Amino acid sequence: VQLVESGGGLVQPGGSLRLSCAAS
C-alpha cells in the first residue's frame, strides 16, 4: 500500500487548507 499526502503549507489563523491523500 502507498499513501501520498498533499495540500499542506503556510496559512494565517482563521484560514483554510485542504489536505488530500491518494492511495494506491
mmCIF file of all heavy atoms, coordinates in Angstrom:
data_MODEL
# 
_entry.id   MODEL 
# 
loop_
_atom_site.group_PDB 
_atom_site.id 
_atom_site.type_symbol 
_atom_site.label_atom_id 
_atom_site.label_alt_id 
_atom_site.label_comp_id 
_atom_site.label_asym_id 
_atom_site.label_entity_id 
_atom_site.label_seq_id 
_atom_site.pdbx_PDB_ins_code 
_atom_site.Cartn_x 
_atom_site.Cartn_y 
_atom_site.Cartn_z 
_atom_site.occupancy 
_atom_site.B_iso_or_equiv 
_atom_site.pdbx_formal_charge 
_atom_site.auth_seq_id 
_atom_site.auth_comp_id 
_atom_site.auth_asym_id 
_atom_site.auth_atom_id 
_atom_site.pdbx_PDB_model_num 
ATOM 1   N N   . VAL A 1 1  ? 0.832   -1.192 0.000  1.00 0.00 ? 1  VAL A N   1 
ATOM 2   C CA  . VAL A 1 1  ? 0.000   0.000  0.000  1.00 0.00 ? 1  VAL A CA  1 
ATOM 3   C C   . VAL A 1 1  ? 0.873   1.250  0.000  1.00 0.00 ? 1  VAL A C   1 
ATOM 4   O O   . VAL A 1 1  ? 1.887   1.315  0.694  1.00 0.00 ? 1  VAL A O   1 
ATOM 5   C CB  . VAL A 1 1  ? -0.911  0.015  1.245  1.00 0.00 ? 1  VAL A CB  1 
ATOM 6   C CG1 . VAL A 1 1  ? -1.740  1.295  1.282  1.00 0.00 ? 1  VAL A CG1 1 
ATOM 7   C CG2 . VAL A 1 1  ? -1.802  -1.208 1.258  1.00 0.00 ? 1  VAL A CG2 1 
ATOM 8   N N   . GLN A 1 2  ? 0.479   2.220  -0.804 1.00 0.00 ? 2  GLN A N   1 
ATOM 9   C CA  . GLN A 1 2  ? 1.184   3.501  -0.820 1.00 0.00 ? 2  GLN A CA  1 
ATOM 10  C C   . GLN A 1 2  ? 0.191   4.624  -0.584 1.00 0.00 ? 2  GLN A C   1 
ATOM 11  O O   . GLN A 1 2  ? -0.911  4.622  -1.159 1.00 0.00 ? 2  GLN A O   1 
ATOM 12  C CB  . GLN A 1 2  ? 1.910   3.719  -2.141 1.00 0.00 ? 2  GLN A CB  1 
ATOM 13  C CG  . GLN A 1 2  ? 3.129   2.843  -2.326 1.00 0.00 ? 2  GLN A CG  1 
ATOM 14  C CD  . GLN A 1 2  ? 3.941   3.211  -3.544 1.00 0.00 ? 2  GLN A CD  1 
ATOM 15  O OE1 . GLN A 1 2  ? 3.420   3.782  -4.500 1.00 0.00 ? 2  GLN A OE1 1 
ATOM 16  N NE2 . GLN A 1 2  ? 5.231   2.882  -3.521 1.00 0.00 ? 2  GLN A NE2 1 
ATOM 17  N N   . LEU A 1 3  ? 0.589   5.572  0.269  1.00 0.00 ? 3  LEU A N   1 
ATOM 18  C CA  . LEU A 1 3  ? -0.226  6.741  0.567  1.00 0.00 ? 3  LEU A CA  1 
ATOM 19  C C   . LEU A 1 3  ? 0.612   7.977  0.323  1.00 0.00 ? 3  LEU A C   1 
ATOM 20  O O   . LEU A 1 3  ? 1.732   8.071  0.827  1.00 0.00 ? 3  LEU A O   1 
ATOM 21  C CB  . LEU A 1 3  ? -0.696  6.716  2.023  1.00 0.00 ? 3  LEU A CB  1 
ATOM 22  C CG  . LEU A 1 3  ? -1.491  5.499  2.475  1.00 0.00 ? 3  LEU A CG  1 
ATOM 23  C CD1 . LEU A 1 3  ? -1.743  5.570  3.984  1.00 0.00 ? 3  LEU A CD1 1 
ATOM 24  C CD2 . LEU A 1 3  ? -2.811  5.412  1.734  1.00 0.00 ? 3  LEU A CD2 1 
ATOM 25  N N   . VAL A 1 4  ? 0.067   8.922  -0.422 1.00 0.00 ? 4  VAL A N   1 
ATOM 26  C CA  . VAL A 1 4  ? 0.785   10.158 -0.729 1.00 0.00 ? 4  VAL A CA  1 
ATOM 27  C C   . VAL A 1 4  ? -0.093  11.336 -0.359 1.00 0.00 ? 4  VAL A C   1 
ATOM 28  O O   . VAL A 1 4  ? -1.175  11.520 -0.930 1.00 0.00 ? 4  VAL A O   1 
ATOM 29  C CB  . VAL A 1 4  ? 1.180   10.228 -2.218 1.00 0.00 ? 4  VAL A CB  1 
ATOM 30  C CG1 . VAL A 1 4  ? 1.900   11.540 -2.495 1.00 0.00 ? 4  VAL A CG1 1 
ATOM 31  C CG2 . VAL A 1 4  ? 2.056   9.038  -2.588 1.00 0.00 ? 4  VAL A CG2 1 
ATOM 32  N N   . GLU A 1 5  ? 0.388   12.134 0.604  1.00 0.00 ? 5  GLU A N   1 
ATOM 33  C CA  . GLU A 1 5  ? -0.360  13.307 1.045  1.00 0.00 ? 5  GLU A CA  1 
ATOM 34  C C   . GLU A 1 5  ? 0.048   14.551 0.250  1.00 0.00 ? 5  GLU A C   1 
ATOM 35  O O   . GLU A 1 5  ? 1.188   14.643 -0.230 1.00 0.00 ? 5  GLU A O   1 
ATOM 36  C CB  . GLU A 1 5  ? -0.109  13.597 2.536  1.00 0.00 ? 5  GLU A CB  1 
ATOM 37  C CG  . GLU A 1 5  ? -0.493  12.488 3.486  1.00 0.00 ? 5  GLU A CG  1 
ATOM 38  C CD  . GLU A 1 5  ? 0.692   11.722 3.987  1.00 0.00 ? 5  GLU A CD  1 
ATOM 39  O OE1 . GLU A 1 5  ? 1.712   11.671 3.260  1.00 0.00 ? 5  GLU A OE1 1 
ATOM 40  O OE2 . GLU A 1 5  ? 0.631   11.174 5.098  1.00 0.00 ? 5  GLU A OE2 1 
ATOM 41  N N   . SER A 1 6  ? -0.860  15.484 0.164  1.00 0.00 ? 6  SER A N   1 
ATOM 42  C CA  . SER A 1 6  ? -0.575  16.772 -0.462 1.00 0.00 ? 6  SER A CA  1 
ATOM 43  C C   . SER A 1 6  ? -1.484  17.822 0.147  1.00 0.00 ? 6  SER A C   1 
ATOM 44  O O   . SER A 1 6  ? -2.470  17.492 0.814  1.00 0.00 ? 6  SER A O   1 
ATOM 45  C CB  . SER A 1 6  ? -0.779  16.699 -1.980 1.00 0.00 ? 6  SER A CB  1 
ATOM 46  O OG  . SER A 1 6  ? -2.109  16.371 -2.275 1.00 0.00 ? 6  SER A OG  1 
ATOM 47  N N   . GLY A 1 7  ? -1.137  19.089 -0.079 1.00 0.00 ? 7  GLY A N   1 
ATOM 48  C CA  . GLY A 1 7  ? -2.006  20.181 0.337  1.00 0.00 ? 7  GLY A CA  1 
ATOM 49  C C   . GLY A 1 7  ? -1.561  20.955 1.544  1.00 0.00 ? 7  GLY A C   1 
ATOM 50  O O   . GLY A 1 7  ? -2.210  21.936 1.921  1.00 0.00 ? 7  GLY A O   1 
ATOM 51  N N   . GLY A 1 8  ? -0.483  20.555 2.168  1.00 0.00 ? 8  GLY A N   1 
ATOM 52  C CA  . GLY A 1 8  ? -0.008  21.297 3.327  1.00 0.00 ? 8  GLY A CA  1 
ATOM 53  C C   . GLY A 1 8  ? 0.591   22.631 2.932  1.00 0.00 ? 8  GLY A C   1 
ATOM 54  O O   . GLY A 1 8  ? 0.753   22.938 1.746  1.00 0.00 ? 8  GLY A O   1 
ATOM 55  N N   . GLY A 1 9  ? 0.915   23.437 3.935  1.00 0.00 ? 9  GLY A N   1 
ATOM 56  C CA  . GLY A 1 9  ? 1.521   24.725 3.664  1.00 0.00 ? 9  GLY A CA  1 
ATOM 57  C C   . GLY A 1 9  ? 1.366   25.678 4.811  1.00 0.00 ? 9  GLY A C   1 
ATOM 58  O O   . GLY A 1 9  ? 1.020   25.283 5.928  1.00 0.00 ? 9  GLY A O   1 
ATOM 59  N N   . LEU A 1 10 ? 1.615   26.950 4.513  1.00 0.00 ? 10 LEU A N   1 
ATOM 60  C CA  . LEU A 1 10 ? 1.512   28.011 5.500  1.00 0.00 ? 10 LEU A CA  1 
ATOM 61  C C   . LEU A 1 10 ? 0.197   28.757 5.301  1.00 0.00 ? 10 LEU A C   1 
ATOM 62  O O   . LEU A 1 10 ? -0.146  29.139 4.174  1.00 0.00 ? 10 LEU A O   1 
ATOM 63  C CB  . LEU A 1 10 ? 2.686   28.974 5.341  1.00 0.00 ? 10 LEU A CB  1 
ATOM 64  C CG  . LEU A 1 10 ? 2.656   30.256 6.180  1.00 0.00 ? 10 LEU A CG  1 
ATOM 65  C CD1 . LEU A 1 10 ? 2.736   29.926 7.658  1.00 0.00 ? 10 LEU A CD1 1 
ATOM 66  C CD2 . LEU A 1 10 ? 3.805   31.176 5.758  1.00 0.00 ? 10 LEU A CD2 1 
ATOM 67  N N   . VAL A 1 11 ? -0.515  28.977 6.385  1.00 0.00 ? 11 VAL A N   1 
ATOM 68  C CA  . VAL A 1 11 ? -1.788  29.700 6.319  1.00 0.00 ? 11 VAL A CA  1 
ATOM 69  C C   . VAL A 1 11 ? -1.924  30.565 7.559  1.00 0.00 ? 11 VAL A C   1 
ATOM 70  O O   . VAL A 1 11 ? -1.395  30.231 8.623  1.00 0.00 ? 11 VAL A O   1 
ATOM 71  C CB  . VAL A 1 11 ? -2.965  28.704 6.196  1.00 0.00 ? 11 VAL A CB  1 
ATOM 72  C CG1 . VAL A 1 11 ? -3.075  27.816 7.427  1.00 0.00 ? 11 VAL A CG1 1 
ATOM 73  C CG2 . VAL A 1 11 ? -4.273  29.416 5.917  1.00 0.00 ? 11 VAL A CG2 1 
ATOM 74  N N   . GLN A 1 12 ? -2.620  31.677 7.418  1.00 0.00 ? 12 GLN A N   1 
ATOM 75  C CA  . GLN A 1 12 ? -2.839  32.561 8.551  1.00 0.00 ? 12 GLN A CA  1 
ATOM 76  C C   . GLN A 1 12 ? -3.949  32.022 9.445  1.00 0.00 ? 12 GLN A C   1 
ATOM 77  O O   . GLN A 1 12 ? -4.823  31.279 8.977  1.00 0.00 ? 12 GLN A O   1 
ATOM 78  C CB  . GLN A 1 12 ? -3.212  33.958 8.059  1.00 0.00 ? 12 GLN A CB  1 
ATOM 79  C CG  . GLN A 1 12 ? -2.076  34.686 7.361  1.00 0.00 ? 12 GLN A CG  1 
ATOM 80  C CD  . GLN A 1 12 ? -2.438  36.118 7.022  1.00 0.00 ? 12 GLN A CD  1 
ATOM 81  O OE1 . GLN A 1 12 ? -3.597  36.496 7.002  1.00 0.00 ? 12 GLN A OE1 1 
ATOM 82  N NE2 . GLN A 1 12 ? -1.416  36.922 6.762  1.00 0.00 ? 12 GLN A NE2 1 
ATOM 83  N N   . PRO A 1 13 ? -3.916  32.377 10.716 1.00 0.00 ? 13 PRO A N   1 
ATOM 84  C CA  . PRO A 1 13 ? -5.013  31.976 11.610 1.00 0.00 ? 13 PRO A CA  1 
ATOM 85  C C   . PRO A 1 13 ? -6.357  32.406 11.034 1.00 0.00 ? 13 PRO A C   1 
ATOM 86  O O   . PRO A 1 13 ? -6.495  33.522 10.507 1.00 0.00 ? 13 PRO A O   1 
ATOM 87  C CB  . PRO A 1 13 ? -4.686  32.726 12.903 1.00 0.00 ? 13 PRO A CB  1 
ATOM 88  C CG  . PRO A 1 13 ? -3.199  32.878 12.882 1.00 0.00 ? 13 PRO A CG  1 
ATOM 89  C CD  . PRO A 1 13 ? -2.848  33.111 11.440 1.00 0.00 ? 13 PRO A CD  1 
ATOM 90  N N   . GLY A 1 14 ? -7.315  31.505 11.138 1.00 0.00 ? 14 GLY A N   1 
ATOM 91  C CA  . GLY A 1 14 ? -8.633  31.754 10.575 1.00 0.00 ? 14 GLY A CA  1 
ATOM 92  C C   . GLY A 1 14 ? -8.786  31.290 9.140  1.00 0.00 ? 14 GLY A C   1 
ATOM 93  O O   . GLY A 1 14 ? -9.901  31.256 8.613  1.00 0.00 ? 14 GLY A O   1 
ATOM 94  N N   . GLY A 1 15 ? -7.685  30.916 8.528  1.00 0.00 ? 15 GLY A N   1 
ATOM 95  C CA  . GLY A 1 15 ? -7.721  30.469 7.144  1.00 0.00 ? 15 GLY A CA  1 
ATOM 96  C C   . GLY A 1 15 ? -8.096  29.011 6.987  1.00 0.00 ? 15 GLY A C   1 
ATOM 97  O O   . GLY A 1 15 ? -8.421  28.327 7.968  1.00 0.00 ? 15 GLY A O   1 
ATOM 98  N N   . SER A 1 16 ? -8.029  28.542 5.750  1.00 0.00 ? 16 SER A N   1 
ATOM 99  C CA  . SER A 1 16 ? -8.422  27.172 5.418  1.00 0.00 ? 16 SER A CA  1 
ATOM 100 C C   . SER A 1 16 ? -7.349  26.494 4.580  1.00 0.00 ? 16 SER A C   1 
ATOM 101 O O   . SER A 1 16 ? -6.609  27.149 3.842  1.00 0.00 ? 16 SER A O   1 
ATOM 102 C CB  . SER A 1 16 ? -9.736  27.168 4.627  1.00 0.00 ? 16 SER A CB  1 
ATOM 103 O OG  . SER A 1 16 ? -10.793 27.719 5.383  1.00 0.00 ? 16 SER A OG  1 
ATOM 104 N N   . LEU A 1 17 ? -7.295  25.194 4.728  1.00 0.00 ? 17 LEU A N   1 
ATOM 105 C CA  . LEU A 1 17 ? -6.454  24.340 3.882  1.00 0.00 ? 17 LEU A CA  1 
ATOM 106 C C   . LEU A 1 17 ? -7.211  23.049 3.634  1.00 0.00 ? 17 LEU A C   1 
ATOM 107 O O   . LEU A 1 17 ? -8.014  22.618 4.474  1.00 0.00 ? 17 LEU A O   1 
ATOM 108 C CB  . LEU A 1 17 ? -5.130  24.007 4.563  1.00 0.00 ? 17 LEU A CB  1 
ATOM 109 C CG  . LEU A 1 17 ? -3.971  24.999 4.492  1.00 0.00 ? 17 LEU A CG  1 
ATOM 110 C CD1 . LEU A 1 17 ? -2.789  24.466 5.293  1.00 0.00 ? 17 LEU A CD1 1 
ATOM 111 C CD2 . LEU A 1 17 ? -3.565  25.288 3.063  1.00 0.00 ? 17 LEU A CD2 1 
ATOM 112 N N   . ARG A 1 18 ? -6.902  22.434 2.513  1.00 0.00 ? 18 ARG A N   1 
ATOM 113 C CA  . ARG A 1 18 ? -7.478  21.122 2.209  1.00 0.00 ? 18 ARG A CA  1 
ATOM 114 C C   . ARG A 1 18 ? -6.343  20.154 1.949  1.00 0.00 ? 18 ARG A C   1 
ATOM 115 O O   . ARG A 1 18 ? -5.547  20.353 1.024  1.00 0.00 ? 18 ARG A O   1 
ATOM 116 C CB  . ARG A 1 18 ? -8.403  21.185 0.995  1.00 0.00 ? 18 ARG A CB  1 
ATOM 117 C CG  . ARG A 1 18 ? -9.186  19.904 0.755  1.00 0.00 ? 18 ARG A CG  1 
ATOM 118 C CD  . ARG A 1 18 ? -10.164 20.071 -0.387 1.00 0.00 ? 18 ARG A CD  1 
ATOM 119 N NE  . ARG A 1 18 ? -11.003 18.909 -0.600 1.00 0.00 ? 18 ARG A NE  1 
ATOM 120 C CZ  . ARG A 1 18 ? -12.179 18.718 0.004  1.00 0.00 ? 18 ARG A CZ  1 
ATOM 121 N NH1 . ARG A 1 18 ? -12.643 19.636 0.845  1.00 0.00 ? 18 ARG A NH1 1 
ATOM 122 N NH2 . ARG A 1 18 ? -12.897 17.625 -0.239 1.00 0.00 ? 18 ARG A NH2 1 
ATOM 123 N N   . LEU A 1 19 ? -6.263  19.124 2.768  1.00 0.00 ? 19 LEU A N   1 
ATOM 124 C CA  . LEU A 1 19 ? -5.283  18.062 2.585  1.00 0.00 ? 19 LEU A CA  1 
ATOM 125 C C   . LEU A 1 19 ? -5.914  16.933 1.793  1.00 0.00 ? 19 LEU A C   1 
ATOM 126 O O   . LEU A 1 19 ? -7.100  16.635 1.948  1.00 0.00 ? 19 LEU A O   1 
ATOM 127 C CB  . LEU A 1 19 ? -4.797  17.536 3.927  1.00 0.00 ? 19 LEU A CB  1 
ATOM 128 C CG  . LEU A 1 19 ? -4.227  18.554 4.917  1.00 0.00 ? 19 LEU A CG  1 
ATOM 129 C CD1 . LEU A 1 19 ? -3.740  17.832 6.171  1.00 0.00 ? 19 LEU A CD1 1 
ATOM 130 C CD2 . LEU A 1 19 ? -3.134  19.379 4.292  1.00 0.00 ? 19 LEU A CD2 1 
ATOM 131 N N   . SER A 1 20 ? -5.087  16.302 0.978  1.00 0.00 ? 20 SER A N   1 
ATOM 132 C CA  . SER A 1 20 ? -5.570  15.157 0.207  1.00 0.00 ? 20 SER A CA  1 
ATOM 133 C C   . SER A 1 20 ? -4.576  14.013 0.328  1.00 0.00 ? 20 SER A C   1 
ATOM 134 O O   . SER A 1 20 ? -3.372  14.226 0.431  1.00 0.00 ? 20 SER A O   1 
ATOM 135 C CB  . SER A 1 20 ? -5.745  15.547 -1.260 1.00 0.00 ? 20 SER A CB  1 
ATOM 136 O OG  . SER A 1 20 ? -6.333  14.491 -1.989 1.00 0.00 ? 20 SER A OG  1 
ATOM 137 N N   . CYS A 1 21 ? -5.085  12.816 0.348  1.00 0.00 ? 21 CYS A N   1 
ATOM 138 C CA  . CYS A 1 21 ? -4.262  11.614 0.414  1.00 0.00 ? 21 CYS A CA  1 
ATOM 139 C C   . CYS A 1 21 ? -4.701  10.673 -0.693 1.00 0.00 ? 21 CYS A C   1 
ATOM 140 O O   . CYS A 1 21 ? -5.881  10.291 -0.748 1.00 0.00 ? 21 CYS A O   1 
ATOM 141 C CB  . CYS A 1 21 ? -4.422  10.952 1.776  1.00 0.00 ? 21 CYS A CB  1 
ATOM 142 S SG  . CYS A 1 21 ? -3.619  9.342  1.944  1.00 0.00 ? 21 CYS A SG  1 
ATOM 143 N N   . ALA A 1 22 ? -3.759  10.313 -1.543 1.00 0.00 ? 22 ALA A N   1 
ATOM 144 C CA  . ALA A 1 22 ? -4.043  9.389  -2.640 1.00 0.00 ? 22 ALA A CA  1 
ATOM 145 C C   . ALA A 1 22 ? -3.456  8.031  -2.300 1.00 0.00 ? 22 ALA A C   1 
ATOM 146 O O   . ALA A 1 22 ? -2.281  7.914  -1.969 1.00 0.00 ? 22 ALA A O   1 
ATOM 147 C CB  . ALA A 1 22 ? -3.444  9.923  -3.935 1.00 0.00 ? 22 ALA A CB  1 
ATOM 148 N N   . ALA A 1 23 ? -4.288  7.017  -2.402 1.00 0.00 ? 23 ALA A N   1 
ATOM 149 C CA  . ALA A 1 23 ? -3.871  5.659  -2.069 1.00 0.00 ? 23 ALA A CA  1 
ATOM 150 C C   . ALA A 1 23 ? -3.728  4.830  -3.327 1.00 0.00 ? 23 ALA A C   1 
ATOM 151 O O   . ALA A 1 23 ? -4.500  4.984  -4.285 1.00 0.00 ? 23 ALA A O   1 
ATOM 152 C CB  . ALA A 1 23 ? -4.893  5.010  -1.146 1.00 0.00 ? 23 ALA A CB  1 
ATOM 153 N N   . SER A 1 24 ? -2.754  3.952  -3.321 1.00 0.00 ? 24 SER A N   1 
ATOM 154 C CA  . SER A 1 24 ? -2.561  3.042  -4.450 1.00 0.00 ? 24 SER A CA  1 
ATOM 155 C C   . SER A 1 24 ? -2.234  1.652  -3.925 1.00 0.00 ? 24 SER A C   1 
ATOM 156 O O   . SER A 1 24 ? -1.829  1.484  -2.779 1.00 0.00 ? 24 SER A O   1 
ATOM 157 C CB  . SER A 1 24 ? -1.463  3.551  -5.376 1.00 0.00 ? 24 SER A CB  1 
ATOM 158 O OG  . SER A 1 24 ? -0.231  3.675  -4.685 1.00 0.00 ? 24 SER A OG  1 
# 
